[in-house]
C-alpha atoms as a PDB file:
ATOM      1  CA  GLN A   1      -7.721  18.137  -1.790  1.00  0.00           C
ATOM      2  CA  VAL A   2      -7.035  14.703  -0.697  1.00  0.00           C
ATOM      3  CA  GLN A   3      -4.065  14.005   2.015  1.00  0.00           C
ATOM      4  CA  LEU A   4      -2.853  10.444   2.308  1.00  0.00           C
ATOM      5  CA  ALA A   5      -0.665   9.684   5.477  1.00  0.00           C
ATOM      6  CA  GLU A   6       0.855   6.327   5.994  1.00  0.00           C
ATOM      7  CA  SER A   7       2.163   5.062   8.753  1.00  0.00           C
ATOM      8  CA  GLY A   8       3.258   1.565  10.319  1.00  0.00           C
ATOM      9  CA  GLY A   9       6.579   0.845   8.775  1.00  0.00           C
ATOM     10  CA  GLY A  10       9.705  -0.194  10.571  1.00  0.00           C
ATOM     11  CA  LEU A  11      12.484  -2.435  10.772  1.00  0.00           C
ATOM     12  CA  VAL A  12      11.443  -6.267  11.304  1.00  0.00           C
ATOM     13  CA  GLU A  13      13.452  -9.646  11.090  1.00  0.00           C
ATOM     14  CA  THR A  14      12.482 -11.912   8.063  1.00  0.00           C
ATOM     15  CA  GLY A  15       9.696 -13.649   8.589  1.00  0.00           C
ATOM     16  CA  GLY A  16       7.886 -11.123  10.745  1.00  0.00           C
ATOM     17  CA  SER A  17       4.699  -9.164  10.105  1.00  0.00           C
ATOM     18  CA  LEU A  18       3.658  -5.495   9.719  1.00  0.00           C
ATOM     19  CA  ARG A  19       0.640  -3.641   9.023  1.00  0.00           C
ATOM     20  CA  LEU A  20       0.512  -0.497   7.541  1.00  0.00           C
ATOM     21  CA  SER A  21      -2.035   1.996   7.545  1.00  0.00           C
ATOM     22  CA  CYS A  22      -2.873   4.994   5.402  1.00  0.00           C
ATOM     23  CA  VAL A  23      -5.532   7.323   6.503  1.00  0.00           C
ATOM     24  CA  ALA A  24      -7.062   9.923   3.912  1.00  0.00           C
ATOM     25  CA  SER A  25      -8.237  13.255   4.369  1.00  0.00           C
ATOM     26  CA  GLY A  26     -11.295  14.561   2.818  1.00  0.00           C
ATOM     27  CA  ARG A  27     -14.572  13.093   1.891  1.00  0.00           C
ATOM     28  CA  THR A  28     -14.288  11.288  -1.053  1.00  0.00           C
ATOM     29  CA  PHE A  29     -12.411   8.308   0.243  1.00  0.00           C
ATOM     30  CA  SER A  30     -15.555   5.803  -0.689  1.00  0.00           C
ATOM     31  CA  THR A  31     -15.318   6.808  -3.771  1.00  0.00           C
ATOM     32  CA  MET A  32     -11.567   6.127  -4.607  1.00  0.00           C
ATOM     33  CA  ASP A  33      -9.758   3.124  -5.521  1.00  0.00           C
ATOM     34  CA  MET A  34      -6.702   2.718  -2.807  1.00  0.00           C
ATOM     35  CA  GLY A  35      -3.294   1.316  -3.827  1.00  0.00           C
ATOM     36  CA  TRP A  36      -0.212   0.650  -2.006  1.00  0.00           C
ATOM     37  CA  PHE A  37       3.419   0.870  -4.062  1.00  0.00           C
ATOM     38  CA  ARG A  38       6.664  -0.013  -3.204  1.00  0.00           C
ATOM     39  CA  GLN A  39       9.760   1.331  -4.023  1.00  0.00           C
ATOM     40  CA  ALA A  40      13.292  -0.446  -3.233  1.00  0.00           C
ATOM     41  CA  PRO A  41      16.633   1.602  -3.637  1.00  0.00           C
ATOM     42  CA  GLY A  42      17.626   1.862  -7.324  1.00  0.00           C
ATOM     43  CA  LYS A  43      14.262   0.369  -8.864  1.00  0.00           C
ATOM     44  CA  GLU A  44      11.196   1.462 -10.168  1.00  0.00           C
ATOM     45  CA  ARG A  45       8.121   2.121  -8.017  1.00  0.00           C
ATOM     46  CA  GLU A  46       6.005  -1.198  -8.180  1.00  0.00           C
ATOM     47  CA  PHE A  47       2.437  -1.922  -7.631  1.00  0.00           C
ATOM     48  CA  VAL A  48       1.792  -4.482  -4.569  1.00  0.00           C
ATOM     49  CA  GLY A  49      -1.863  -4.318  -3.886  1.00  0.00           C
ATOM     50  CA  GLY A  50      -4.935  -2.456  -4.455  1.00  0.00           C
ATOM     51  CA  VAL A  51      -8.593  -2.331  -3.212  1.00  0.00           C
ATOM     52  CA  TRP A  52     -11.312  -1.106  -5.406  1.00  0.00           C
ATOM     53  CA  TRP A  53     -13.896   1.481  -4.132  1.00  0.00           C
ATOM     54  CA  SER A  54     -16.294  -1.689  -4.399  1.00  0.00           C
ATOM     55  CA  GLY A  55     -14.095  -3.882  -2.225  1.00  0.00           C
ATOM     56  CA  GLY A  56     -12.771  -6.096  -4.375  1.00  0.00           C
ATOM     57  CA  THR A  57      -8.700  -6.436  -4.505  1.00  0.00           C
ATOM     58  CA  SER A  58      -5.990  -6.756  -6.945  1.00  0.00           C
ATOM     59  CA  TYR A  59      -2.455  -7.959  -6.126  1.00  0.00           C
ATOM     60  CA  GLY A  60       0.813  -7.036  -8.205  1.00  0.00           C
ATOM     61  CA  PRO A  61       3.769  -9.454  -8.038  1.00  0.00           C
ATOM     62  CA  ASP A  62       3.464 -12.634  -7.574  1.00  0.00           C
ATOM     63  CA  SER A  63       5.847 -12.834  -4.844  1.00  0.00           C
ATOM     64  CA  VAL A  64       3.361 -10.837  -2.630  1.00  0.00           C
ATOM     65  CA  LYS A  65       0.261 -13.112  -3.081  1.00  0.00           C
ATOM     66  CA  GLY A  66      -0.598 -15.251  -0.230  1.00  0.00           C
ATOM     67  CA  ARG A  67       1.805 -12.787   2.221  1.00  0.00           C
ATOM     68  CA  PHE A  68       0.054  -9.589   1.947  1.00  0.00           C
ATOM     69  CA  THR A  69      -3.270  -8.613   1.927  1.00  0.00           C
ATOM     70  CA  ILE A  70      -4.943  -5.380   1.421  1.00  0.00           C
ATOM     71  CA  SER A  71      -8.387  -3.922   3.137  1.00  0.00           C
ATOM     72  CA  ARG A  72     -10.415  -0.837   3.629  1.00  0.00           C
ATOM     73  CA  ASP A  73     -12.298   0.345   6.614  1.00  0.00           C
ATOM     74  CA  ASN A  74     -14.486   3.488   5.084  1.00  0.00           C
ATOM     75  CA  ALA A  75     -15.822   4.718   8.242  1.00  0.00           C
ATOM     76  CA  LYS A  76     -12.197   5.301   9.305  1.00  0.00           C
ATOM     77  CA  ASN A  77     -10.913   6.547   5.684  1.00  0.00           C
ATOM     78  CA  THR A  78      -8.370   4.122   6.116  1.00  0.00           C
ATOM     79  CA  VAL A  79      -6.548   1.474   3.816  1.00  0.00           C
ATOM     80  CA  TYR A  80      -4.279  -1.222   5.522  1.00  0.00           C
ATOM     81  CA  LEU A  81      -1.609  -3.595   3.985  1.00  0.00           C
ATOM     82  CA  GLN A  82      -1.001  -6.735   6.306  1.00  0.00           C
ATOM     83  CA  MET A  83       2.370  -8.257   5.429  1.00  0.00           C
ATOM     84  CA  ASN A  84       3.157 -11.635   6.631  1.00  0.00           C
ATOM     85  CA  SER A  85       6.388 -13.961   6.437  1.00  0.00           C
ATOM     86  CA  LEU A  86       8.351 -10.802   5.287  1.00  0.00           C
ATOM     87  CA  LYS A  87      11.487 -11.333   3.395  1.00  0.00           C
ATOM     88  CA  PRO A  88      14.880  -9.120   3.032  1.00  0.00           C
ATOM     89  CA  GLU A  89      13.248  -8.347  -0.742  1.00  0.00           C
ATOM     90  CA  ASP A  90      10.258  -6.765   0.634  1.00  0.00           C
ATOM     91  CA  THR A  91      12.778  -3.753   2.042  1.00  0.00           C
ATOM     92  CA  ALA A  92      11.466  -0.681   0.179  1.00  0.00           C
ATOM     93  CA  VAL A  93       9.616   2.730   1.169  1.00  0.00           C
ATOM     94  CA  TYR A  94       5.665   1.618   0.868  1.00  0.00           C
ATOM     95  CA  TYR A  95       3.516   4.500  -0.610  1.00  0.00           C
ATOM     96  CA  CYS A  96      -0.456   4.628  -0.268  1.00  0.00           C
ATOM     97  CA  ALA A  97      -1.976   6.179  -3.467  1.00  0.00           C
ATOM     98  CA  ALA A  98      -5.498   6.803  -4.909  1.00  0.00           C
ATOM     99  CA  LYS A  99      -7.427   7.058  -8.105  1.00  0.00           C
ATOM    100  CA  TYR A 100     -10.463   7.016  -9.791  1.00  0.00           C
ATOM    101  CA  GLY A 101     -11.021   4.062 -12.013  1.00  0.00           C
ATOM    102  CA  GLY A 102      -8.433   2.912 -14.464  1.00  0.00           C
ATOM    103  CA  ALA A 103      -5.603   0.799 -14.204  1.00  0.00           C
ATOM    104  CA  TRP A 104      -3.251   0.075 -11.142  1.00  0.00           C
ATOM    105  CA  ASP A 105      -0.402   1.678 -12.991  1.00  0.00           C
ATOM    106  CA  VAL A 106       1.858   4.528 -11.350  1.00  0.00           C
ATOM    107  CA  ASN A 107       0.861   7.242 -13.956  1.00  0.00           C
ATOM    108  CA  ASN A 108      -2.860   6.783 -12.993  1.00  0.00           C
ATOM    109  CA  MET A 109      -2.916   7.371  -9.551  1.00  0.00           C
ATOM    110  CA  ARG A 110      -4.130  11.204  -8.704  1.00  0.00           C
ATOM    111  CA  HIS A 111      -3.108  11.174  -5.023  1.00  0.00           C
ATOM    112  CA  TRP A 112       0.490   9.870  -3.296  1.00  0.00           C
ATOM    113  CA  GLY A 113       1.124   9.744   0.435  1.00  0.00           C
ATOM    114  CA  LYS A 114       4.748  10.615   1.700  1.00  0.00           C
ATOM    115  CA  GLY A 115       5.576   7.044   1.905  1.00  0.00           C
ATOM    116  CA  THR A 116       6.900   4.920   4.860  1.00  0.00           C
ATOM    117  CA  PRO A 117       9.988   2.813   4.807  1.00  0.00           C
ATOM    118  CA  VAL A 118      10.004  -0.841   5.719  1.00  0.00           C
ATOM    119  CA  THR A 119      13.403  -2.757   6.388  1.00  0.00           C
ATOM    120  CA  VAL A 120      13.432  -6.378   6.471  1.00  0.00           C
ATOM    121  CA  SER A 121      16.744  -7.729   8.207  1.00  0.00           C
ATOM    122  CA  SER A 122      18.227 -11.207   7.136  1.00  0.00           C
END
């Protein structure tokens, strides 16, 4: 059974930075594609960024490209989301998720964390 636990969320001012972490239990971390999703109040959950088991990365909305960086450390069973130049529209609950191949789609993710809230004040 894979369990994911996020940390690192909080309150930050516009222009600030946060680094989210997600630690995975179990022995299959290195075989999983790891992603970050976010859900703002009243909106659907959206893909932010993901790192394939092989190390390649993919990002979702254009608004995060160049500001967010996803990385993984297989020795620590951890995936990170470095968020820079944060904007109020980045405010959301951020979820870590894992899949075994396929698209970066909410319905394709096999395991989910409980989420960590990020609030960016204007």
